[in-house]
N, C-alpha and C. Protein backbone atom coordinates (compact mmCIF):
# COMPACT_ATOMS: atom_id res chain seq x y z
N MET A 1 0.82 -1.21 0.00
CA MET A 1 0.00 0.00 0.00
C MET A 1 0.86 1.27 0.00
N GLY A 2 2.13 1.13 0.27
CA GLY A 2 2.99 2.30 0.27
C GLY A 2 2.74 3.21 1.45
N GLU A 3 2.99 4.49 1.27
CA GLU A 3 2.84 5.46 2.36
C GLU A 3 1.39 5.89 2.57
N SER A 4 0.52 5.60 1.60
CA SER A 4 -0.87 6.07 1.70
C SER A 4 -1.85 4.95 1.36
N PRO A 5 -2.37 4.26 2.37
CA PRO A 5 -3.42 3.27 2.10
C PRO A 5 -4.62 3.88 1.37
N PHE A 6 -4.95 5.12 1.72
CA PHE A 6 -6.06 5.80 1.07
C PHE A 6 -5.78 5.97 -0.42
N GLY A 7 -4.57 6.42 -0.75
CA GLY A 7 -4.20 6.59 -2.15
C GLY A 7 -4.18 5.27 -2.89
N PHE A 8 -3.72 4.22 -2.22
CA PHE A 8 -3.69 2.89 -2.83
C PHE A 8 -5.10 2.43 -3.20
N ILE A 9 -6.05 2.63 -2.29
CA ILE A 9 -7.43 2.22 -2.56
C ILE A 9 -8.04 3.08 -3.67
N LYS A 10 -7.70 4.36 -3.69
CA LYS A 10 -8.25 5.25 -4.71
C LYS A 10 -7.80 4.87 -6.12
N THR A 11 -6.58 4.32 -6.25
CA THR A 11 -6.08 3.97 -7.58
C THR A 11 -6.89 2.84 -8.20
N GLY A 12 -7.38 1.91 -7.36
CA GLY A 12 -8.16 0.79 -7.87
C GLY A 12 -7.34 -0.34 -8.44
N ASP A 13 -6.01 -0.28 -8.33
CA ASP A 13 -5.16 -1.37 -8.82
C ASP A 13 -4.78 -2.26 -7.64
N PHE A 14 -5.49 -3.38 -7.51
CA PHE A 14 -5.27 -4.26 -6.37
C PHE A 14 -4.55 -5.56 -6.78
N SER A 15 -3.88 -5.52 -7.93
CA SER A 15 -3.21 -6.73 -8.43
C SER A 15 -2.12 -7.20 -7.49
N GLU A 16 -1.52 -6.28 -6.74
CA GLU A 16 -0.40 -6.66 -5.86
C GLU A 16 -0.84 -7.50 -4.67
N VAL A 17 -2.12 -7.50 -4.32
CA VAL A 17 -2.56 -8.27 -3.17
C VAL A 17 -3.04 -9.66 -3.56
N ARG A 18 -3.06 -9.95 -4.85
CA ARG A 18 -3.49 -11.28 -5.27
C ARG A 18 -2.48 -12.31 -4.78
N GLY A 19 -3.01 -13.39 -4.24
CA GLY A 19 -2.15 -14.43 -3.66
C GLY A 19 -2.02 -14.30 -2.15
N LEU A 20 -2.47 -13.17 -1.61
CA LEU A 20 -2.43 -12.99 -0.16
C LEU A 20 -3.70 -13.56 0.47
N TYR A 21 -3.63 -13.85 1.74
CA TYR A 21 -4.81 -14.29 2.47
C TYR A 21 -4.66 -13.90 3.93
N TYR A 22 -5.77 -13.83 4.64
CA TYR A 22 -5.75 -13.53 6.06
C TYR A 22 -6.75 -14.44 6.75
N ARG A 23 -6.25 -15.36 7.56
CA ARG A 23 -7.08 -16.32 8.25
C ARG A 23 -8.01 -17.03 7.27
N PHE A 24 -9.32 -16.78 7.35
CA PHE A 24 -10.25 -17.49 6.49
C PHE A 24 -10.56 -16.72 5.20
N GLN A 25 -9.97 -15.54 5.03
CA GLN A 25 -10.25 -14.72 3.86
C GLN A 25 -9.20 -14.95 2.78
N LYS A 26 -9.67 -15.35 1.60
CA LYS A 26 -8.78 -15.57 0.47
C LYS A 26 -8.50 -14.25 -0.25
N ASP A 27 -7.60 -14.32 -1.23
CA ASP A 27 -7.23 -13.10 -1.94
C ASP A 27 -8.42 -12.45 -2.64
N LYS A 28 -9.37 -13.25 -3.15
CA LYS A 28 -10.53 -12.66 -3.81
C LYS A 28 -11.38 -11.86 -2.83
N ASP A 29 -11.42 -12.32 -1.56
CA ASP A 29 -12.17 -11.57 -0.54
C ASP A 29 -11.48 -10.24 -0.25
N ILE A 30 -10.15 -10.28 -0.17
CA ILE A 30 -9.39 -9.06 0.12
C ILE A 30 -9.54 -8.06 -1.02
N VAL A 31 -9.45 -8.54 -2.26
CA VAL A 31 -9.62 -7.66 -3.42
C VAL A 31 -11.02 -7.06 -3.42
N LEU A 32 -12.04 -7.88 -3.13
CA LEU A 32 -13.42 -7.37 -3.11
C LEU A 32 -13.60 -6.35 -1.99
N LEU A 33 -12.97 -6.59 -0.84
CA LEU A 33 -13.06 -5.64 0.26
C LEU A 33 -12.45 -4.30 -0.14
N LEU A 34 -11.28 -4.34 -0.76
CA LEU A 34 -10.63 -3.09 -1.19
C LEU A 34 -11.47 -2.38 -2.25
N ALA A 35 -12.05 -3.15 -3.16
CA ALA A 35 -12.90 -2.55 -4.19
C ALA A 35 -14.15 -1.93 -3.57
N THR A 36 -14.68 -2.58 -2.54
CA THR A 36 -15.85 -2.04 -1.84
C THR A 36 -15.49 -0.75 -1.11
N LEU A 37 -14.32 -0.73 -0.48
CA LEU A 37 -13.87 0.49 0.19
C LEU A 37 -13.68 1.62 -0.83
N GLN A 38 -13.17 1.27 -2.01
CA GLN A 38 -13.04 2.27 -3.06
C GLN A 38 -14.40 2.84 -3.45
N ARG A 39 -15.39 1.97 -3.55
CA ARG A 39 -16.74 2.43 -3.89
C ARG A 39 -17.29 3.34 -2.79
N ILE A 40 -17.06 2.97 -1.54
CA ILE A 40 -17.53 3.79 -0.42
C ILE A 40 -16.90 5.18 -0.48
N ILE A 41 -15.61 5.22 -0.77
CA ILE A 41 -14.91 6.50 -0.88
C ILE A 41 -15.47 7.33 -2.03
N ASP A 42 -15.69 6.68 -3.15
CA ASP A 42 -16.21 7.39 -4.33
C ASP A 42 -17.62 7.94 -4.08
N GLU A 43 -18.46 7.15 -3.40
CA GLU A 43 -19.86 7.54 -3.22
C GLU A 43 -20.09 8.45 -2.01
N PHE A 44 -19.33 8.20 -0.92
CA PHE A 44 -19.62 8.91 0.33
C PHE A 44 -18.44 9.74 0.86
N GLY A 45 -17.24 9.39 0.46
CA GLY A 45 -16.05 10.10 0.95
C GLY A 45 -15.25 9.27 1.93
N ASN A 46 -15.95 8.56 2.83
CA ASN A 46 -15.29 7.69 3.80
C ASN A 46 -16.34 6.81 4.48
N ILE A 47 -15.89 5.87 5.30
CA ILE A 47 -16.81 4.95 5.97
C ILE A 47 -17.73 5.70 6.92
N GLY A 48 -17.19 6.67 7.66
CA GLY A 48 -17.99 7.43 8.61
C GLY A 48 -19.13 8.16 7.93
N ALA A 49 -18.84 8.77 6.79
CA ALA A 49 -19.88 9.50 6.06
C ALA A 49 -20.97 8.55 5.57
N MET A 50 -20.57 7.33 5.19
CA MET A 50 -21.58 6.35 4.77
C MET A 50 -22.49 5.98 5.93
N LEU A 51 -21.92 5.69 7.09
CA LEU A 51 -22.74 5.33 8.24
C LEU A 51 -23.62 6.50 8.68
N ARG A 52 -23.07 7.71 8.62
CA ARG A 52 -23.86 8.88 8.99
C ARG A 52 -25.08 9.02 8.07
N TYR A 53 -24.91 8.69 6.81
CA TYR A 53 -26.00 8.78 5.84
C TYR A 53 -27.14 7.84 6.22
N PHE A 54 -26.80 6.64 6.68
CA PHE A 54 -27.83 5.64 6.99
C PHE A 54 -28.26 5.64 8.46
N TYR A 55 -27.54 6.36 9.29
CA TYR A 55 -27.80 6.29 10.75
C TYR A 55 -29.05 7.07 11.12
N ARG A 56 -29.96 6.36 11.84
CA ARG A 56 -31.19 6.99 12.34
C ARG A 56 -31.38 6.68 13.82
N GLY A 57 -30.28 6.49 14.53
CA GLY A 57 -30.36 6.23 15.96
C GLY A 57 -30.08 4.79 16.34
N ASP A 58 -30.02 3.89 15.36
CA ASP A 58 -29.75 2.48 15.62
C ASP A 58 -28.60 2.05 14.72
N ILE A 59 -27.45 1.77 15.32
CA ILE A 59 -26.25 1.49 14.52
C ILE A 59 -26.40 0.19 13.75
N ARG A 60 -27.08 -0.79 14.31
CA ARG A 60 -27.28 -2.05 13.57
C ARG A 60 -28.09 -1.80 12.31
N GLU A 61 -29.15 -1.03 12.44
CA GLU A 61 -29.98 -0.73 11.27
C GLU A 61 -29.17 0.03 10.21
N ALA A 62 -28.28 0.91 10.66
CA ALA A 62 -27.43 1.65 9.72
C ALA A 62 -26.49 0.71 8.98
N LEU A 63 -25.89 -0.23 9.69
CA LEU A 63 -24.97 -1.19 9.07
C LEU A 63 -25.72 -2.10 8.10
N TRP A 64 -26.90 -2.53 8.49
CA TRP A 64 -27.69 -3.39 7.60
C TRP A 64 -28.12 -2.64 6.35
N ALA A 65 -28.48 -1.37 6.52
CA ALA A 65 -28.87 -0.55 5.37
C ALA A 65 -27.68 -0.34 4.43
N ALA A 66 -26.49 -0.12 5.03
CA ALA A 66 -25.28 0.05 4.22
C ALA A 66 -24.98 -1.23 3.45
N ARG A 67 -25.14 -2.37 4.12
CA ARG A 67 -24.91 -3.65 3.43
C ARG A 67 -25.86 -3.83 2.25
N LYS A 68 -27.13 -3.54 2.46
CA LYS A 68 -28.10 -3.68 1.38
C LYS A 68 -27.76 -2.76 0.22
N HIS A 69 -27.30 -1.55 0.52
CA HIS A 69 -26.92 -0.60 -0.52
C HIS A 69 -25.73 -1.13 -1.32
N LEU A 70 -24.78 -1.74 -0.64
CA LEU A 70 -23.55 -2.18 -1.30
C LEU A 70 -23.69 -3.51 -2.03
N PHE A 71 -24.48 -4.43 -1.44
CA PHE A 71 -24.51 -5.79 -1.97
C PHE A 71 -25.91 -6.31 -2.32
N ARG A 72 -26.93 -5.46 -2.13
CA ARG A 72 -28.30 -5.91 -2.34
C ARG A 72 -28.56 -7.15 -1.47
N ASN A 73 -28.93 -8.24 -2.07
CA ASN A 73 -29.21 -9.46 -1.29
C ASN A 73 -28.10 -10.50 -1.43
N GLY A 74 -26.92 -10.06 -1.85
CA GLY A 74 -25.81 -10.98 -2.05
C GLY A 74 -25.19 -11.45 -0.75
N ASN A 75 -24.28 -12.39 -0.87
CA ASN A 75 -23.61 -12.97 0.29
C ASN A 75 -22.15 -12.54 0.42
N GLU A 76 -21.77 -11.50 -0.28
CA GLU A 76 -20.38 -11.07 -0.27
C GLU A 76 -19.99 -10.42 1.06
N LEU A 77 -18.76 -10.67 1.47
CA LEU A 77 -18.11 -9.98 2.60
C LEU A 77 -18.94 -9.95 3.88
N THR A 78 -19.59 -11.06 4.18
CA THR A 78 -20.41 -11.09 5.40
C THR A 78 -19.55 -10.98 6.66
N PHE A 79 -18.26 -11.32 6.56
CA PHE A 79 -17.38 -11.18 7.72
C PHE A 79 -17.14 -9.72 8.05
N PHE A 80 -17.30 -8.84 7.05
CA PHE A 80 -17.04 -7.41 7.25
C PHE A 80 -18.32 -6.60 7.34
N PHE A 81 -19.29 -6.95 6.51
CA PHE A 81 -20.60 -6.29 6.52
C PHE A 81 -21.65 -7.35 6.84
N PRO A 82 -21.97 -7.58 8.11
CA PRO A 82 -22.84 -8.68 8.51
C PRO A 82 -24.27 -8.52 8.00
N ARG A 83 -24.87 -9.65 7.67
CA ARG A 83 -26.29 -9.67 7.30
C ARG A 83 -27.15 -9.42 8.54
N PRO A 84 -28.37 -8.94 8.36
CA PRO A 84 -29.27 -8.74 9.51
C PRO A 84 -29.44 -10.02 10.31
N SER A 85 -29.26 -9.90 11.62
CA SER A 85 -29.40 -11.04 12.52
C SER A 85 -29.68 -10.51 13.91
N SER A 86 -30.65 -11.11 14.57
CA SER A 86 -30.98 -10.67 15.93
C SER A 86 -29.97 -11.18 16.94
N ALA A 87 -29.17 -12.18 16.56
CA ALA A 87 -28.25 -12.81 17.51
C ALA A 87 -26.80 -12.32 17.39
N ASN A 88 -26.40 -11.93 16.20
CA ASN A 88 -25.00 -11.57 15.97
C ASN A 88 -24.57 -10.40 16.87
N PRO A 89 -23.56 -10.59 17.76
CA PRO A 89 -23.12 -9.49 18.63
C PRO A 89 -22.33 -8.42 17.92
N MET A 90 -21.92 -8.69 16.67
CA MET A 90 -21.22 -7.70 15.84
C MET A 90 -20.00 -7.13 16.55
N LYS A 91 -19.16 -8.04 17.02
CA LYS A 91 -17.99 -7.65 17.80
C LYS A 91 -17.05 -6.72 17.02
N ARG A 92 -16.77 -7.05 15.76
CA ARG A 92 -15.82 -6.24 14.99
C ARG A 92 -16.29 -4.80 14.87
N TRP A 93 -17.56 -4.64 14.51
CA TRP A 93 -18.08 -3.28 14.33
C TRP A 93 -18.19 -2.55 15.66
N SER A 94 -18.54 -3.26 16.72
CA SER A 94 -18.64 -2.61 18.04
C SER A 94 -17.28 -2.10 18.49
N LEU A 95 -16.23 -2.86 18.20
CA LEU A 95 -14.89 -2.43 18.56
C LEU A 95 -14.46 -1.25 17.69
N TYR A 96 -14.73 -1.35 16.39
CA TYR A 96 -14.40 -0.25 15.48
C TYR A 96 -15.12 1.03 15.89
N LEU A 97 -16.39 0.90 16.26
CA LEU A 97 -17.15 2.06 16.70
C LEU A 97 -16.59 2.65 17.98
N ARG A 98 -16.13 1.79 18.89
CA ARG A 98 -15.51 2.29 20.11
C ARG A 98 -14.30 3.15 19.77
N TRP A 99 -13.47 2.66 18.85
CA TRP A 99 -12.30 3.44 18.44
C TRP A 99 -12.69 4.79 17.86
N MET A 100 -13.72 4.79 17.01
CA MET A 100 -14.05 5.98 16.22
C MET A 100 -14.93 6.98 16.96
N VAL A 101 -15.66 6.53 17.99
CA VAL A 101 -16.60 7.41 18.69
C VAL A 101 -16.02 7.94 20.00
N ARG A 102 -15.43 7.06 20.80
CA ARG A 102 -14.84 7.50 22.07
C ARG A 102 -13.52 8.23 21.80
N LYS A 103 -13.15 9.10 22.74
CA LYS A 103 -11.88 9.80 22.58
C LYS A 103 -11.14 9.81 23.91
N ASP A 104 -10.00 9.13 23.95
CA ASP A 104 -9.12 9.15 25.11
C ASP A 104 -7.73 8.75 24.63
N ALA A 105 -6.89 8.23 25.51
CA ALA A 105 -5.53 7.87 25.13
C ALA A 105 -5.49 6.68 24.19
N VAL A 106 -6.58 5.92 24.12
CA VAL A 106 -6.63 4.72 23.28
C VAL A 106 -7.49 4.92 22.04
N ASP A 107 -8.68 5.48 22.21
CA ASP A 107 -9.64 5.63 21.11
C ASP A 107 -9.56 7.02 20.50
N ILE A 108 -9.65 7.09 19.17
CA ILE A 108 -9.35 8.36 18.49
C ILE A 108 -10.53 9.32 18.43
N GLY A 109 -11.76 8.82 18.49
CA GLY A 109 -12.94 9.67 18.62
C GLY A 109 -13.12 10.74 17.57
N ILE A 110 -13.16 10.35 16.29
CA ILE A 110 -13.30 11.35 15.22
C ILE A 110 -14.71 11.38 14.62
N TRP A 111 -15.60 10.50 15.13
CA TRP A 111 -16.98 10.51 14.65
C TRP A 111 -17.88 11.14 15.70
N GLY A 112 -18.54 12.22 15.34
CA GLY A 112 -19.38 12.92 16.29
C GLY A 112 -20.87 12.68 16.13
N PHE A 113 -21.26 11.84 15.17
CA PHE A 113 -22.69 11.67 14.91
C PHE A 113 -23.31 10.53 15.73
N ILE A 114 -22.50 9.78 16.47
CA ILE A 114 -22.99 8.75 17.37
C ILE A 114 -22.55 9.11 18.79
N ASP A 115 -23.46 9.04 19.74
CA ASP A 115 -23.14 9.33 21.14
C ASP A 115 -22.47 8.10 21.76
N LYS A 116 -21.41 8.33 22.51
CA LYS A 116 -20.68 7.20 23.11
C LYS A 116 -21.54 6.43 24.11
N ARG A 117 -22.58 7.04 24.63
CA ARG A 117 -23.46 6.33 25.56
C ARG A 117 -24.32 5.28 24.82
N ASP A 118 -24.38 5.38 23.49
CA ASP A 118 -25.17 4.44 22.70
C ASP A 118 -24.35 3.28 22.16
N LEU A 119 -23.06 3.25 22.46
CA LEU A 119 -22.21 2.16 21.99
C LEU A 119 -22.53 0.86 22.74
N ILE A 120 -22.30 -0.27 22.07
CA ILE A 120 -22.49 -1.59 22.66
C ILE A 120 -21.12 -2.23 22.85
N VAL A 121 -20.91 -2.87 23.97
CA VAL A 121 -19.60 -3.46 24.27
C VAL A 121 -19.22 -4.49 23.21
N PRO A 122 -17.97 -4.46 22.74
CA PRO A 122 -17.50 -5.48 21.80
C PRO A 122 -17.43 -6.84 22.51
N LEU A 123 -18.33 -7.71 22.18
CA LEU A 123 -18.47 -8.96 22.93
C LEU A 123 -17.58 -10.06 22.36
N ASP A 124 -16.37 -10.18 22.91
CA ASP A 124 -15.52 -11.32 22.58
C ASP A 124 -15.63 -12.35 23.69
N THR A 125 -14.87 -13.42 23.59
CA THR A 125 -14.98 -14.49 24.58
C THR A 125 -14.58 -14.02 25.98
N HIS A 126 -13.65 -13.06 26.06
CA HIS A 126 -13.18 -12.59 27.37
C HIS A 126 -14.26 -11.78 28.08
N ILE A 127 -14.86 -10.82 27.36
CA ILE A 127 -15.90 -10.00 27.96
C ILE A 127 -17.12 -10.85 28.32
N PHE A 128 -17.42 -11.83 27.49
CA PHE A 128 -18.56 -12.70 27.78
C PHE A 128 -18.32 -13.50 29.06
N LYS A 129 -17.13 -14.05 29.22
CA LYS A 129 -16.81 -14.83 30.43
C LYS A 129 -16.86 -13.95 31.67
N ILE A 130 -16.32 -12.74 31.56
CA ILE A 130 -16.36 -11.81 32.69
C ILE A 130 -17.80 -11.44 33.03
N GLY A 131 -18.60 -11.17 31.99
CA GLY A 131 -19.99 -10.82 32.20
C GLY A 131 -20.77 -11.92 32.89
N ARG A 132 -20.50 -13.15 32.49
CA ARG A 132 -21.15 -14.29 33.14
C ARG A 132 -20.70 -14.42 34.59
N CYS A 133 -19.41 -14.30 34.82
CA CYS A 133 -18.86 -14.47 36.17
C CYS A 133 -19.36 -13.37 37.10
N ALA A 134 -19.47 -12.15 36.58
CA ALA A 134 -19.89 -11.01 37.40
C ALA A 134 -21.41 -10.94 37.56
N GLY A 135 -22.13 -11.77 36.83
CA GLY A 135 -23.58 -11.72 36.91
C GLY A 135 -24.20 -10.62 36.08
N TRP A 136 -23.46 -10.11 35.10
CA TRP A 136 -23.97 -9.03 34.26
C TRP A 136 -24.84 -9.55 33.13
N THR A 137 -24.74 -10.83 32.82
CA THR A 137 -25.62 -11.46 31.85
C THR A 137 -25.85 -12.91 32.26
N GLN A 138 -27.03 -13.40 31.96
CA GLN A 138 -27.35 -14.79 32.24
C GLN A 138 -27.43 -15.61 30.94
N GLN A 139 -27.08 -14.98 29.82
CA GLN A 139 -27.14 -15.68 28.54
C GLN A 139 -26.12 -16.82 28.49
N LYS A 140 -26.49 -17.90 27.83
CA LYS A 140 -25.63 -19.08 27.76
C LYS A 140 -24.60 -18.99 26.64
N THR A 141 -24.88 -18.20 25.63
CA THR A 141 -23.97 -18.07 24.50
C THR A 141 -23.75 -16.60 24.17
N GLN A 142 -22.68 -16.33 23.43
CA GLN A 142 -22.40 -14.97 23.01
C GLN A 142 -23.46 -14.53 21.99
N SER A 143 -24.08 -13.40 22.25
CA SER A 143 -25.16 -12.92 21.39
C SER A 143 -25.28 -11.41 21.55
N TYR A 144 -26.08 -10.82 20.69
CA TYR A 144 -26.32 -9.38 20.80
C TYR A 144 -27.02 -9.05 22.11
N LYS A 145 -27.93 -9.93 22.54
CA LYS A 145 -28.63 -9.71 23.80
C LYS A 145 -27.65 -9.72 24.96
N ALA A 146 -26.70 -10.64 24.94
CA ALA A 146 -25.68 -10.69 26.00
C ALA A 146 -24.84 -9.41 26.00
N ALA A 147 -24.48 -8.94 24.81
CA ALA A 147 -23.70 -7.71 24.70
C ALA A 147 -24.47 -6.53 25.28
N CYS A 148 -25.77 -6.47 24.98
CA CYS A 148 -26.60 -5.37 25.50
C CYS A 148 -26.75 -5.45 27.02
N GLU A 149 -26.91 -6.66 27.54
CA GLU A 149 -27.05 -6.82 28.99
C GLU A 149 -25.77 -6.39 29.71
N ILE A 150 -24.62 -6.78 29.19
CA ILE A 150 -23.35 -6.38 29.80
C ILE A 150 -23.17 -4.87 29.69
N THR A 151 -23.55 -4.31 28.56
CA THR A 151 -23.46 -2.85 28.38
C THR A 151 -24.34 -2.13 29.39
N GLU A 152 -25.55 -2.63 29.62
CA GLU A 152 -26.45 -2.01 30.59
C GLU A 152 -25.85 -2.06 32.00
N ALA A 153 -25.19 -3.17 32.33
CA ALA A 153 -24.54 -3.27 33.63
C ALA A 153 -23.42 -2.23 33.75
N LEU A 154 -22.67 -2.03 32.68
CA LEU A 154 -21.59 -1.04 32.70
C LEU A 154 -22.14 0.38 32.73
N LYS A 155 -23.34 0.57 32.19
CA LYS A 155 -23.97 1.89 32.26
C LYS A 155 -24.33 2.27 33.69
N ALA A 156 -24.54 1.27 34.53
CA ALA A 156 -24.81 1.56 35.94
C ALA A 156 -23.58 2.17 36.60
N LEU A 157 -22.41 1.90 36.03
CA LEU A 157 -21.17 2.47 36.56
C LEU A 157 -20.84 3.80 35.90
N SER A 158 -21.13 3.89 34.60
CA SER A 158 -20.80 5.09 33.85
C SER A 158 -21.85 5.30 32.77
N PRO A 159 -22.96 5.95 33.09
CA PRO A 159 -24.08 6.09 32.14
C PRO A 159 -23.69 6.77 30.84
N ASP A 160 -22.78 7.74 30.90
CA ASP A 160 -22.43 8.50 29.70
C ASP A 160 -21.31 7.86 28.88
N ASP A 161 -20.62 6.89 29.45
CA ASP A 161 -19.49 6.28 28.74
C ASP A 161 -19.26 4.85 29.21
N PRO A 162 -20.20 3.95 28.92
CA PRO A 162 -20.09 2.58 29.45
C PRO A 162 -18.90 1.80 28.93
N LEU A 163 -18.38 2.16 27.76
CA LEU A 163 -17.28 1.38 27.19
C LEU A 163 -15.91 1.83 27.68
N LYS A 164 -15.88 2.76 28.63
CA LYS A 164 -14.60 3.19 29.19
C LYS A 164 -13.88 2.05 29.89
N PHE A 165 -14.63 1.00 30.28
CA PHE A 165 -14.04 -0.13 31.00
C PHE A 165 -13.63 -1.28 30.07
N ASP A 166 -13.95 -1.18 28.80
CA ASP A 166 -13.78 -2.32 27.90
C ASP A 166 -12.33 -2.79 27.81
N LEU A 167 -11.40 -1.89 27.60
CA LEU A 167 -9.99 -2.28 27.46
C LEU A 167 -9.47 -2.92 28.73
N PHE A 168 -9.78 -2.33 29.88
CA PHE A 168 -9.34 -2.88 31.17
C PHE A 168 -9.91 -4.27 31.39
N LEU A 169 -11.20 -4.42 31.17
CA LEU A 169 -11.83 -5.71 31.41
C LEU A 169 -11.28 -6.78 30.48
N CYS A 170 -11.17 -6.45 29.20
CA CYS A 170 -10.74 -7.44 28.22
C CYS A 170 -9.29 -7.85 28.42
N HIS A 171 -8.41 -6.87 28.55
CA HIS A 171 -6.97 -7.18 28.56
C HIS A 171 -6.42 -7.46 29.96
N THR A 172 -6.87 -6.74 30.97
CA THR A 172 -6.34 -6.96 32.32
C THR A 172 -7.01 -8.15 33.00
N ILE A 173 -8.33 -8.21 32.93
CA ILE A 173 -9.06 -9.29 33.59
C ILE A 173 -9.20 -10.51 32.68
N GLY A 174 -9.67 -10.28 31.46
CA GLY A 174 -9.92 -11.39 30.55
C GLY A 174 -8.67 -12.11 30.10
N ILE A 175 -7.74 -11.36 29.49
CA ILE A 175 -6.51 -11.95 28.97
C ILE A 175 -5.46 -12.09 30.06
N GLY A 176 -5.21 -10.97 30.77
CA GLY A 176 -4.15 -10.97 31.78
C GLY A 176 -4.38 -11.95 32.92
N ALA A 177 -5.61 -11.97 33.43
CA ALA A 177 -5.93 -12.85 34.57
C ALA A 177 -6.46 -14.20 34.10
N GLY A 178 -6.67 -14.34 32.78
CA GLY A 178 -7.12 -15.61 32.25
C GLY A 178 -8.50 -16.02 32.73
N CYS A 179 -9.44 -15.08 32.74
CA CYS A 179 -10.78 -15.39 33.23
C CYS A 179 -11.41 -16.53 32.45
N THR A 180 -11.93 -17.51 33.16
CA THR A 180 -12.58 -18.67 32.54
C THR A 180 -14.10 -18.56 32.56
N GLY A 181 -14.60 -17.54 33.24
CA GLY A 181 -16.05 -17.39 33.36
C GLY A 181 -16.62 -18.12 34.55
N LYS A 182 -15.78 -18.82 35.29
CA LYS A 182 -16.22 -19.53 36.49
C LYS A 182 -15.33 -19.14 37.66
N ARG A 183 -15.97 -18.78 38.77
CA ARG A 183 -15.22 -18.35 39.95
C ARG A 183 -14.67 -19.56 40.69
N THR A 184 -13.36 -19.60 40.85
CA THR A 184 -12.68 -20.68 41.57
C THR A 184 -11.73 -20.07 42.58
N PRO A 185 -11.22 -20.85 43.54
CA PRO A 185 -10.26 -20.32 44.51
C PRO A 185 -9.02 -19.71 43.84
N ALA A 186 -8.65 -20.24 42.68
CA ALA A 186 -7.47 -19.72 41.99
C ALA A 186 -7.65 -18.28 41.52
N CYS A 187 -8.91 -17.87 41.32
CA CYS A 187 -9.19 -16.51 40.85
C CYS A 187 -8.76 -15.46 41.87
N LYS A 188 -8.78 -15.82 43.12
CA LYS A 188 -8.54 -14.85 44.18
C LYS A 188 -7.18 -14.20 44.07
N ASP A 189 -6.19 -14.95 43.61
CA ASP A 189 -4.83 -14.43 43.54
C ASP A 189 -4.52 -13.71 42.24
N ARG A 190 -5.38 -13.86 41.23
CA ARG A 190 -5.02 -13.27 39.93
C ARG A 190 -6.06 -12.32 39.35
N CYS A 191 -7.27 -12.27 39.94
CA CYS A 191 -8.32 -11.43 39.37
C CYS A 191 -8.63 -10.26 40.29
N LEU A 192 -8.54 -9.05 39.75
CA LEU A 192 -8.81 -7.84 40.53
C LEU A 192 -10.29 -7.71 40.89
N LEU A 193 -11.15 -8.42 40.18
CA LEU A 193 -12.58 -8.32 40.44
C LEU A 193 -13.09 -9.44 41.34
N TYR A 194 -12.23 -10.33 41.77
CA TYR A 194 -12.69 -11.51 42.50
C TYR A 194 -13.50 -11.16 43.74
N GLU A 195 -12.94 -10.38 44.63
CA GLU A 195 -13.61 -10.08 45.89
C GLU A 195 -14.87 -9.27 45.69
N ILE A 196 -14.83 -8.36 44.74
CA ILE A 196 -15.97 -7.45 44.60
C ILE A 196 -17.09 -8.03 43.75
N THR A 197 -16.85 -9.18 43.12
CA THR A 197 -17.93 -9.80 42.34
C THR A 197 -18.36 -11.15 42.88
N LYS A 198 -17.72 -11.65 43.91
CA LYS A 198 -18.01 -13.02 44.34
C LYS A 198 -19.43 -13.18 44.89
N ALA A 199 -20.05 -12.09 45.34
CA ALA A 199 -21.40 -12.20 45.88
C ALA A 199 -22.48 -11.84 44.87
N VAL A 200 -22.06 -11.49 43.65
CA VAL A 200 -23.03 -11.07 42.65
C VAL A 200 -23.77 -12.29 42.09
N ASP A 201 -25.07 -12.27 42.12
CA ASP A 201 -25.84 -13.38 41.57
C ASP A 201 -27.01 -12.91 40.73
N SER A 202 -26.95 -11.62 40.32
CA SER A 202 -28.00 -11.06 39.48
C SER A 202 -27.36 -10.37 38.29
N GLY A 203 -28.19 -9.72 37.48
CA GLY A 203 -27.68 -9.05 36.30
C GLY A 203 -27.18 -7.65 36.56
N GLN A 204 -27.08 -7.23 37.82
CA GLN A 204 -26.62 -5.89 38.15
C GLN A 204 -25.32 -5.95 38.93
N PRO A 205 -24.38 -5.03 38.67
CA PRO A 205 -23.12 -5.02 39.40
C PRO A 205 -23.33 -4.60 40.85
N SER A 206 -22.51 -5.13 41.74
CA SER A 206 -22.61 -4.77 43.15
C SER A 206 -22.09 -3.36 43.39
N SER A 207 -22.40 -2.80 44.55
CA SER A 207 -21.90 -1.47 44.89
C SER A 207 -20.38 -1.47 44.97
N GLU A 208 -19.79 -2.62 45.41
CA GLU A 208 -18.34 -2.72 45.48
C GLU A 208 -17.73 -2.67 44.09
N THR A 209 -18.41 -3.32 43.11
CA THR A 209 -17.93 -3.29 41.74
C THR A 209 -17.94 -1.86 41.20
N LYS A 210 -19.02 -1.14 41.51
CA LYS A 210 -19.12 0.24 41.04
C LYS A 210 -17.97 1.07 41.58
N LYS A 211 -17.66 0.94 42.85
CA LYS A 211 -16.60 1.73 43.46
C LYS A 211 -15.25 1.39 42.86
N ALA A 212 -14.99 0.10 42.64
CA ALA A 212 -13.70 -0.33 42.14
C ALA A 212 -13.47 0.13 40.70
N LEU A 213 -14.46 -0.06 39.84
CA LEU A 213 -14.30 0.31 38.44
C LEU A 213 -14.37 1.81 38.20
N ALA A 214 -14.96 2.53 39.14
CA ALA A 214 -15.09 3.97 38.97
C ALA A 214 -13.85 4.73 39.42
N ARG A 215 -12.88 4.02 39.99
CA ARG A 215 -11.66 4.69 40.47
C ARG A 215 -10.87 5.31 39.32
């Protein structure tokens, strides 16, 4: 891509990426993704402007509308532009939105058309296990409903910015402490949330949890 990924996409010559792959995506998927990004730039200017065009207060509806505009009823690039689904937690987009909407030392916050209080937590396996262990969700599997329930619990701590805890929870508790989603004696020595969540048995965080995460 050289010094300018934007310039590379604008040229429309993606022959250099043929033969590349990323995890489950083959080179044809990568070429189609770049071509789709080129179309978005040509039609809207950037991804943010496209979402702003379709946004009416519900980010999922905006993403689904954008997908329909780009692909009609096709099955292309579902890993990047998910089809409408009541269950899909849309982790990739939720994380991307956190980066683009919130503004702090980690997130760049250059999109002003979505309020950070309306963001949904990026539900990966770590956040889901923590949510289950803390009693923030009773869902058995990762789903959009589970993501919303965990987000609502975090809103009890920070109504205007519930995702301020996402990085800490995911990397310090989830990855760093190796949360398994089940409270065991071993958790006491490695999890910062162990003592303050051990008595939680409902979908709401305890007062101790609020104090600890609000520090």
